[in-house]
Amino acid sequence: QYITFLDDDDVRLPGSLDRQIKLLETNSEAGLIYGQALFVDQSGERTNQSYPRICYQGDVLWELLVQNFIPCGTAVFRRSCLDRVGLLDQSLAGIDDWDLWVRIAELYPIMALAEPVMCWRRSTPASQQGTSAAGRIVLQSVQQFQASWKHLPRVLSASREMKRRAWRRFSANMSAHLSYEVLRALRHRQLVQATRNLFALLRLSPA
């Protein structure tokens, strides 16, 4: 009846699934509930940082088009959602979860539990985790925005200004993320990774 994901390097906090499902059952219209992720380092030690800081709820489609603020392992959604939006797109490795959240958010309200529900082992430029390849993921996100997300019925029916604003915010967020990843790769002395991220940034935002 409900589906959630958990990567092999992350850990669910005790009782969190029960709390999320109980909240989801109080709102029959909602399709998905998510929570915050508590960052842990590569050795598994917890930090005092959690993500996201702001937990958006309700109609979050336009916020999700700008940024993926739903940590994959914190999401619990109704299996029935897949009957309407389809399965994960296996061609979108790295952003397949974001793509699924966007499609669900177009049709369903989203709920949030504003507390940590999992420990998320954050990638580093040297960790070789999937999210380490920031340049590839960002360019893939840009392609998906242009090829798919902007053609969703609710997006197509929005005003031109609303669509332009979403694209500007999305581009600014992607540029800021790449800039941060360039510096982070340099701090870890991963010059190849830094170069790849820099070229992706130049393609996205030549200025």
Foldseek 3Di string as FASTA:
>chain_A
DKDADDDPVKFFDPPLVVVQVVVCVVDVQAFKEFEKAFEDEPVRHTDPDIFDPDDDWFLCLLVLLQDPRGDRRGMMGDPVLCVPQNDFDPVLPPCSSSVSVNSSSVRGIYHYDYDHGMYDHDDACPRPPSCNLLLVNLVSSVCCCVPPVCPPPVNVPDDPVSNVVSVVSNLVVSLVVLVVSLVRCVVVVNNVSNVSSVVSNCVSPVD
